[in-house]
PDB file of N, CA and C in Angstrom:
ATOM      1  N   MET A   1       7.169  23.463  15.393  1.00  0.00           N
ATOM      2  CA  MET A   1       7.774  21.940  16.131  1.00  0.00           C
ATOM      3  C   MET A   1       6.883  22.286  17.568  1.00  0.00           C
ATOM      4  N   ALA A   2       6.619  21.236  17.580  1.00  0.00           N
ATOM      5  CA  ALA A   2       5.511  20.609  19.165  1.00  0.00           C
ATOM      6  C   ALA A   2       6.465  20.781  20.394  1.00  0.00           C
ATOM      7  N   GLU A   3       6.182  21.129  21.810  1.00  0.00           N
ATOM      8  CA  GLU A   3       6.501  21.167  22.691  1.00  0.00           C
ATOM      9  C   GLU A   3       6.324  19.977  23.807  1.00  0.00           C
ATOM     10  N   ASP A   4       7.736  19.980  24.409  1.00  0.00           N
ATOM     11  CA  ASP A   4       7.384  18.111  25.142  1.00  0.00           C
ATOM     12  C   ASP A   4       6.371  18.590  26.706  1.00  0.00           C
ATOM     13  N   ASN A   5       5.965  18.133  26.935  1.00  0.00           N
ATOM     14  CA  ASN A   5       4.833  18.158  28.375  1.00  0.00           C
ATOM     15  C   ASN A   5       6.073  17.498  28.890  1.00  0.00           C
ATOM     16  N   ASN A   6       5.711  17.723  30.788  1.00  0.00           N
ATOM     17  CA  ASN A   6       6.498  16.916  31.143  1.00  0.00           C
ATOM     18  C   ASN A   6       8.221  17.091  31.219  1.00  0.00           C
ATOM     19  N   ALA A   7       8.382  18.272  30.674  1.00  0.00           N
ATOM     20  CA  ALA A   7       9.676  18.719  30.728  1.00  0.00           C
ATOM     21  C   ALA A   7      10.041  19.755  31.971  1.00  0.00           C
ATOM     22  N   VAL A   8      11.376  19.327  31.733  1.00  0.00           N
ATOM     23  CA  VAL A   8      12.224  20.057  32.870  1.00  0.00           C
ATOM     24  C   VAL A   8      12.220  21.885  32.435  1.00  0.00           C
ATOM     25  N   MET A   9      12.172  22.660  32.543  1.00  0.00           N
ATOM     26  CA  MET A   9      12.051  23.773  32.156  1.00  0.00           C
ATOM     27  C   MET A   9      13.974  24.302  32.878  1.00  0.00           C
ATOM     28  N   GLY A  10      14.827  25.468  32.297  1.00  0.00           N
ATOM     29  CA  GLY A  10      15.670  25.430  32.577  1.00  0.00           C
ATOM     30  C   GLY A  10      15.493  27.040  32.673  1.00  0.00           C
ATOM     31  N   PHE A  11      15.732  27.710  34.134  1.00  0.00           N
ATOM     32  CA  PHE A  11      15.668  29.311  34.950  1.00  0.00           C
ATOM     33  C   PHE A  11      16.907  29.787  35.652  1.00  0.00           C
ATOM     34  N   LYS A  12      16.146  30.980  35.972  1.00  0.00           N
ATOM     35  CA  LYS A  12      17.229  31.862  36.211  1.00  0.00           C
ATOM     36  C   LYS A  12      16.282  32.756  37.167  1.00  0.00           C
ATOM     37  N   LEU A  13      17.319  33.347  38.341  1.00  0.00           N
ATOM     38  CA  LEU A  13      16.395  34.319  39.058  1.00  0.00           C
ATOM     39  C   LEU A  13      16.688  35.505  38.808  1.00  0.00           C
ATOM     40  N   ASP A  14      16.047  35.906  39.007  1.00  0.00           N
ATOM     41  CA  ASP A  14      15.368  37.709  38.213  1.00  0.00           C
ATOM     42  C   ASP A  14      16.190  38.052  39.119  1.00  0.00           C
ATOM     43  N   GLU A  15      16.059  38.180  40.574  1.00  0.00           N
ATOM     44  CA  GLU A  15      17.093  38.473  41.924  1.00  0.00           C
ATOM     45  C   GLU A  15      17.016  37.296  42.827  1.00  0.00           C
ATOM     46  N   GLU A  16      17.545  37.446  43.515  1.00  0.00           N
ATOM     47  CA  GLU A  16      17.874  36.473  45.324  1.00  0.00           C
ATOM     48  C   GLU A  16      16.189  36.471  46.063  1.00  0.00           C
ATOM     49  N   PRO A  17      15.770  35.230  46.078  1.00  0.00           N
ATOM     50  CA  PRO A  17      14.746  35.614  46.918  1.00  0.00           C
ATOM     51  C   PRO A  17      15.616  36.201  48.580  1.00  0.00           C
ATOM     52  N   LYS A  18      14.170  37.151  48.700  1.00  0.00           N
ATOM     53  CA  LYS A  18      14.055  37.181  50.388  1.00  0.00           C
ATOM     54  C   LYS A  18      14.296  36.936  51.484  1.00  0.00           C
ATOM     55  N   TRP A  19      14.905  37.069  52.715  1.00  0.00           N
ATOM     56  CA  TRP A  19      13.862  36.706  53.943  1.00  0.00           C
ATOM     57  C   TRP A  19      13.212  37.310  54.321  1.00  0.00           C
ATOM     58  N   ILE A  20      12.501  36.786  54.551  1.00  0.00           N
ATOM     59  CA  ILE A  20      11.243  37.254  55.508  1.00  0.00           C
ATOM     60  C   ILE A  20      11.164  36.977  57.038  1.00  0.00           C
ATOM     61  N   ARG A  21      11.798  38.052  57.957  1.00  0.00           N
ATOM     62  CA  ARG A  21      11.481  37.645  58.897  1.00  0.00           C
ATOM     63  C   ARG A  21       9.991  37.708  59.925  1.00  0.00           C
ATOM     64  N   VAL A  22       9.898  36.925  60.949  1.00  0.00           N
ATOM     65  CA  VAL A  22       8.785  36.957  61.285  1.00  0.00           C
ATOM     66  C   VAL A  22       8.732  36.808  63.183  1.00  0.00           C
ATOM     67  N   THR A  23       7.639  37.074  63.398  1.00  0.00           N
ATOM     68  CA  THR A  23       8.486  37.486  65.371  1.00  0.00           C
ATOM     69  C   THR A  23       6.296  36.760  65.421  1.00  0.00           C
ATOM     70  N   LEU A  24       7.332  35.250  66.052  1.00  0.00           N
ATOM     71  CA  LEU A  24       6.334  34.817  67.117  1.00  0.00           C
ATOM     72  C   LEU A  24       5.535  35.266  68.355  1.00  0.00           C
ATOM     73  N   GLU A  25       4.160  34.503  68.514  1.00  0.00           N
ATOM     74  CA  GLU A  25       4.099  35.586  70.046  1.00  0.00           C
ATOM     75  C   GLU A  25       4.605  35.477  71.544  1.00  0.00           C
ATOM     76  N   ASP A  26       5.092  34.186  71.005  1.00  0.00           N
ATOM     77  CA  ASP A  26       5.989  33.832  72.342  1.00  0.00           C
ATOM     78  C   ASP A  26       7.777  34.514  72.167  1.00  0.00           C
ATOM     79  N   GLY A  27       8.331  35.542  71.571  1.00  0.00           N
ATOM     80  CA  GLY A  27       9.083  36.398  70.601  1.00  0.00           C
ATOM     81  C   GLY A  27       9.806  35.519  70.308  1.00  0.00           C
ATOM     82  N   THR A  28      10.106  34.243  69.600  1.00  0.00           N
ATOM     83  CA  THR A  28      10.468  33.427  68.951  1.00  0.00           C
ATOM     84  C   THR A  28      10.564  34.702  67.305  1.00  0.00           C
ATOM     85  N   VAL A  29      12.390  34.473  66.942  1.00  0.00           N
ATOM     86  CA  VAL A  29      12.030  35.130  65.235  1.00  0.00           C
ATOM     87  C   VAL A  29      12.421  33.698  64.645  1.00  0.00           C
ATOM     88  N   LEU A  30      11.755  34.028  63.406  1.00  0.00           N
ATOM     89  CA  LEU A  30      12.392  33.011  62.720  1.00  0.00           C
ATOM     90  C   LEU A  30      12.329  34.093  61.265  1.00  0.00           C
ATOM     91  N   GLU A  31      13.513  33.427  60.463  1.00  0.00           N
ATOM     92  CA  GLU A  31      13.773  33.984  58.982  1.00  0.00           C
ATOM     93  C   GLU A  31      13.336  33.109  58.029  1.00  0.00           C
ATOM     94  N   ILE A  32      12.079  33.816  56.862  1.00  0.00           N
ATOM     95  CA  ILE A  32      11.865  32.382  56.078  1.00  0.00           C
ATOM     96  C   ILE A  32      12.202  32.479  54.655  1.00  0.00           C
ATOM     97  N   LYS A  33      12.192  31.819  53.706  1.00  0.00           N
ATOM     98  CA  LYS A  33      12.561  32.526  52.330  1.00  0.00           C
ATOM     99  C   LYS A  33      12.457  31.240  51.157  1.00  0.00           C
ATOM    100  N   THR A  34      12.342  31.115  50.385  1.00  0.00           N
ATOM    101  CA  THR A  34      11.811  29.566  49.399  1.00  0.00           C
ATOM    102  C   THR A  34      12.902  29.514  48.390  1.00  0.00           C
ATOM    103  N   GLU A  35      13.022  28.571  48.482  1.00  0.00           N
ATOM    104  CA  GLU A  35      14.187  27.539  47.412  1.00  0.00           C
ATOM    105  C   GLU A  35      13.589  26.759  46.291  1.00  0.00           C
ATOM    106  N   ILE A  36      14.146  27.504  44.521  1.00  0.00           N
ATOM    107  CA  ILE A  36      13.339  27.046  43.947  1.00  0.00           C
ATOM    108  C   ILE A  36      14.399  26.006  43.353  1.00  0.00           C
ATOM    109  N   MET A  37      13.595  24.416  43.628  1.00  0.00           N
ATOM    110  CA  MET A  37      14.580  23.885  42.860  1.00  0.00           C
ATOM    111  C   MET A  37      14.189  23.596  42.034  1.00  0.00           C
ATOM    112  N   SER A  38      13.324  23.064  41.278  1.00  0.00           N
ATOM    113  CA  SER A  38      12.883  22.803  39.706  1.00  0.00           C
ATOM    114  C   SER A  38      11.514  23.276  38.838  1.00  0.00           C
ATOM    115  N   ILE A  39      11.001  23.800  37.722  1.00  0.00           N
ATOM    116  CA  ILE A  39      10.320  23.709  37.532  1.00  0.00           C
ATOM    117  C   ILE A  39      10.212  22.976  36.182  1.00  0.00           C
ATOM    118  N   MET A  40       8.495  21.787  36.203  1.00  0.00           N
ATOM    119  CA  MET A  40       8.687  21.249  35.159  1.00  0.00           C
ATOM    120  C   MET A  40       7.471  22.167  34.439  1.00  0.00           C
ATOM    121  N   LYS A  41       7.403  21.812  32.929  1.00  0.00           N
ATOM    122  CA  LYS A  41       5.992  22.122  32.272  1.00  0.00           C
ATOM    123  C   LYS A  41       5.258  20.842  32.308  1.00  0.00           C
ATOM    124  N   VAL A  42       3.797  21.045  32.816  1.00  0.00           N
ATOM    125  CA  VAL A  42       3.091  20.063  32.886  1.00  0.00           C
ATOM    126  C   VAL A  42       2.127  19.965  31.477  1.00  0.00           C
ATOM    127  N   GLY A  43       2.344  20.742  31.028  1.00  0.00           N
ATOM    128  CA  GLY A  43       0.806  20.996  30.107  1.00  0.00           C
ATOM    129  C   GLY A  43       0.200  22.057  29.469  1.00  0.00           C
ATOM    130  N   ASN A  44      -0.604  22.001  29.266  1.00  0.00           N
ATOM    131  CA  ASN A  44      -1.489  23.235  29.402  1.00  0.00           C
ATOM    132  C   ASN A  44      -3.139  22.786  29.631  1.00  0.00           C
ATOM    133  N   ASP A  45      -3.455  24.490  30.194  1.00  0.00           N
ATOM    134  CA  ASP A  45      -5.149  24.760  30.958  1.00  0.00           C
ATOM    135  C   ASP A  45      -5.655  23.942  29.425  1.00  0.00           C
ATOM    136  N   PRO A  46      -6.535  23.205  29.789  1.00  0.00           N
ATOM    137  CA  PRO A  46      -7.548  22.671  28.946  1.00  0.00           C
ATOM    138  C   PRO A  46      -8.509  23.764  28.272  1.00  0.00           C
ATOM    139  N   ASN A  47      -8.649  24.837  29.240  1.00  0.00           N
ATOM    140  CA  ASN A  47      -9.549  26.311  28.452  1.00  0.00           C
ATOM    141  C   ASN A  47      -9.375  27.005  27.558  1.00  0.00           C
ATOM    142  N   THR A  48      -8.429  27.178  28.650  1.00  0.00           N
ATOM    143  CA  THR A  48      -7.412  28.671  28.141  1.00  0.00           C
ATOM    144  C   THR A  48      -6.095  28.710  27.039  1.00  0.00           C
ATOM    145  N   GLY A  49      -5.758  27.584  27.431  1.00  0.00           N
ATOM    146  CA  GLY A  49      -4.422  26.693  26.623  1.00  0.00           C
ATOM    147  C   GLY A  49      -3.406  27.278  27.170  1.00  0.00           C
ATOM    148  N   LEU A  50      -3.777  27.639  28.376  1.00  0.00           N
ATOM    149  CA  LEU A  50      -2.326  28.820  29.026  1.00  0.00           C
ATOM    150  C   LEU A  50      -1.316  27.516  30.000  1.00  0.00           C
ATOM    151  N   PRO A  51       0.648  27.811  29.241  1.00  0.00           N
ATOM    152  CA  PRO A  51       0.629  26.501  30.196  1.00  0.00           C
ATOM    153  C   PRO A  51       0.635  26.783  32.146  1.00  0.00           C
ATOM    154  N   GLN A  52       0.880  25.108  31.979  1.00  0.00           N
ATOM    155  CA  GLN A  52       0.919  24.915  33.024  1.00  0.00           C
ATOM    156  C   GLN A  52       1.941  24.342  34.307  1.00  0.00           C
ATOM    157  N   TYR A  53       3.037  24.884  35.176  1.00  0.00           N
ATOM    158  CA  TYR A  53       3.976  24.207  35.588  1.00  0.00           C
ATOM    159  C   TYR A  53       4.284  23.919  36.917  1.00  0.00           C
ATOM    160  N   SER A  54       4.623  22.850  37.355  1.00  0.00           N
ATOM    161  CA  SER A  54       4.483  22.186  38.887  1.00  0.00           C
ATOM    162  C   SER A  54       6.152  22.554  38.668  1.00  0.00           C
ATOM    163  N   ILE A  55       6.232  23.448  40.361  1.00  0.00           N
ATOM    164  CA  ILE A  55       7.279  23.274  41.043  1.00  0.00           C
ATOM    165  C   ILE A  55       7.775  22.961  41.924  1.00  0.00           C
ATOM    166  N   ASN A  56       8.796  22.532  42.351  1.00  0.00           N
ATOM    167  CA  ASN A  56       9.531  21.819  43.327  1.00  0.00           C
ATOM    168  C   ASN A  56      10.500  22.503  43.967  1.00  0.00           C
ATOM    169  N   ALA A  57       9.429  23.177  45.030  1.00  0.00           N
ATOM    170  CA  ALA A  57      10.095  24.324  46.506  1.00  0.00           C
ATOM    171  C   ALA A  57      11.100  24.007  47.556  1.00  0.00           C
ATOM    172  N   ALA A  58      11.666  24.111  48.459  1.00  0.00           N
ATOM    173  CA  ALA A  58      12.060  24.070  49.613  1.00  0.00           C
ATOM    174  C   ALA A  58      11.739  25.535  50.335  1.00  0.00           C
ATOM    175  N   PRO A  59      11.373  25.240  51.726  1.00  0.00           N
ATOM    176  CA  PRO A  59      11.028  26.437  52.793  1.00  0.00           C
ATOM    177  C   PRO A  59      12.562  26.392  53.358  1.00  0.00           C
ATOM    178  N   MET A  60      13.263  27.366  53.531  1.00  0.00           N
ATOM    179  CA  MET A  60      14.485  27.349  54.268  1.00  0.00           C
ATOM    180  C   MET A  60      13.551  27.949  55.618  1.00  0.00           C
ATOM    181  N   ILE A  61      14.149  27.865  56.785  1.00  0.00           N
ATOM    182  CA  ILE A  61      14.091  28.341  57.493  1.00  0.00           C
ATOM    183  C   ILE A  61      14.563  28.328  58.983  1.00  0.00           C
ATOM    184  N   ARG A  62      15.315  29.858  59.034  1.00  0.00           N
ATOM    185  CA  ARG A  62      16.155  30.094  60.415  1.00  0.00           C
ATOM    186  C   ARG A  62      15.818  30.364  61.524  1.00  0.00           C
ATOM    187  N   MET A  63      15.953  29.841  62.663  1.00  0.00           N
ATOM    188  CA  MET A  63      16.057  30.843  63.867  1.00  0.00           C
ATOM    189  C   MET A  63      17.183  32.094  64.311  1.00  0.00           C
ATOM    190  N   MET A  64      16.332  32.786  64.035  1.00  0.00           N
ATOM    191  CA  MET A  64      17.514  33.969  64.814  1.00  0.00           C
ATOM    192  C   MET A  64      17.180  34.294  66.094  1.00  0.00           C
ATOM    193  N   ARG A  65      15.923  34.139  66.937  1.00  0.00           N
ATOM    194  CA  ARG A  65      16.428  34.605  67.841  1.00  0.00           C
ATOM    195  C   ARG A  65      15.090  33.239  68.997  1.00  0.00           C
ATOM    196  N   VAL A  66      15.254  32.796  70.549  1.00  0.00           N
ATOM    197  CA  VAL A  66      14.455  32.512  70.874  1.00  0.00           C
ATOM    198  C   VAL A  66      14.252  32.661  71.986  1.00  0.00           C
ATOM    199  N   PRO A  67      13.629  33.132  73.033  1.00  0.00           N
ATOM    200  CA  PRO A  67      13.683  32.721  74.153  1.00  0.00           C
ATOM    201  C   PRO A  67      13.921  31.665  75.354  1.00  0.00           C
ATOM    202  N   LYS A  68      14.551  32.268  75.777  1.00  0.00           N
ATOM    203  CA  LYS A  68      14.580  31.449  77.030  1.00  0.00           C
ATOM    204  C   LYS A  68      13.805  30.337  77.592  1.00  0.00           C
ATOM    205  N   GLU A  69      12.653  30.842  78.310  1.00  0.00           N
ATOM    206  CA  GLU A  69      11.561  30.233  78.585  1.00  0.00           C
ATOM    207  C   GLU A  69      11.099  28.976  77.125  1.00  0.00           C
ATOM    208  N   SER A  70      11.150  29.551  76.337  1.00  0.00           N
ATOM    209  CA  SER A  70      10.911  28.103  75.212  1.00  0.00           C
ATOM    210  C   SER A  70      11.942  27.066  75.427  1.00  0.00           C
ATOM    211  N   ILE A  71      12.939  26.669  75.512  1.00  0.00           N
ATOM    212  CA  ILE A  71      14.834  26.525  75.040  1.00  0.00           C
ATOM    213  C   ILE A  71      14.272  25.350  76.495  1.00  0.00           C
ATOM    214  N   LYS A  72      13.612  23.951  76.300  1.00  0.00           N
ATOM    215  CA  LYS A  72      14.002  22.378  77.337  1.00  0.00           C
ATOM    216  C   LYS A  72      14.903  22.156  76.843  1.00  0.00           C
ATOM    217  N   LYS A  73      15.504  21.225  77.816  1.00  0.00           N
ATOM    218  CA  LYS A  73      16.243  20.417  77.686  1.00  0.00           C
ATOM    219  C   LYS A  73      16.006  19.009  78.521  1.00  0.00           C
ATOM    220  N   SER A  74      16.508  18.481  77.938  1.00  0.00           N
ATOM    221  CA  SER A  74      16.238  16.659  78.510  1.00  0.00           C
ATOM    222  C   SER A  74      17.133  16.813  79.872  1.00  0.00           C
ATOM    223  N   GLY A  75      15.935  16.565  81.212  1.00  0.00           N
ATOM    224  CA  GLY A  75      16.725  15.738  82.388  1.00  0.00           C
ATOM    225  C   GLY A  75      18.066  15.216  82.400  1.00  0.00           C
ATOM    226  N   ASP A  76      18.056  13.980  81.827  1.00  0.00           N
ATOM    227  CA  ASP A  76      19.250  13.094  81.496  1.00  0.00           C
ATOM    228  C   ASP A  76      19.537  13.122  80.080  1.00  0.00           C
ATOM    229  N   THR A  77      21.302  14.404  80.742  1.00  0.00           N
ATOM    230  CA  THR A  77      22.119  13.848  79.168  1.00  0.00           C
ATOM    231  C   THR A  77      22.694  12.716  79.442  1.00  0.00           C
ATOM    232  N   ASP A  78      22.865  11.958  79.930  1.00  0.00           N
ATOM    233  CA  ASP A  78      23.675  11.127  79.965  1.00  0.00           C
ATOM    234  C   ASP A  78      23.210   9.959  78.396  1.00  0.00           C
ATOM    235  N   LYS A  79      22.788  10.118  78.588  1.00  0.00           N
ATOM    236  CA  LYS A  79      21.533   9.208  77.190  1.00  0.00           C
ATOM    237  C   LYS A  79      22.312   9.749  76.123  1.00  0.00           C
ATOM    238  N   GLY A  80      22.528   9.512  75.137  1.00  0.00           N
ATOM    239  CA  GLY A  80      23.166   9.565  73.354  1.00  0.00           C
ATOM    240  C   GLY A  80      21.801  10.510  72.556  1.00  0.00           C
ATOM    241  N   LEU A  81      21.938  10.513  71.740  1.00  0.00           N
ATOM    242  CA  LEU A  81      20.249  10.689  70.557  1.00  0.00           C
ATOM    243  C   LEU A  81      19.778   9.446  70.568  1.00  0.00           C
ATOM    244  N   TYR A  82      20.774   8.638  70.399  1.00  0.00           N
ATOM    245  CA  TYR A  82      19.730   7.259  69.941  1.00  0.00           C
ATOM    246  C   TYR A  82      19.944   6.538  71.302  1.00  0.00           C
ATOM    247  N   ARG A  83      18.489   6.207  71.885  1.00  0.00           N
ATOM    248  CA  ARG A  83      18.362   5.581  72.830  1.00  0.00           C
ATOM    249  C   ARG A  83      17.765   4.114  72.387  1.00  0.00           C
TER     250      ARG A  83
END
């Protein structure tokens, strides 16, 4: 039976993605991980015959620590977000 190309593939995570902690030179600490949204089989490599996949993923980023010197507030606090 022939397999369909361009087919969304079901998948399961063998383990939960881990957060990677990054410290920037200004002292900011970020945690980053990748969330896999979907995986699609898009065909086979013409030279090797190996399957090829397209992966839809989104980076998840959270700020864990931000130095006070890096925080800049607008001097005009009377105006709302939409000006």
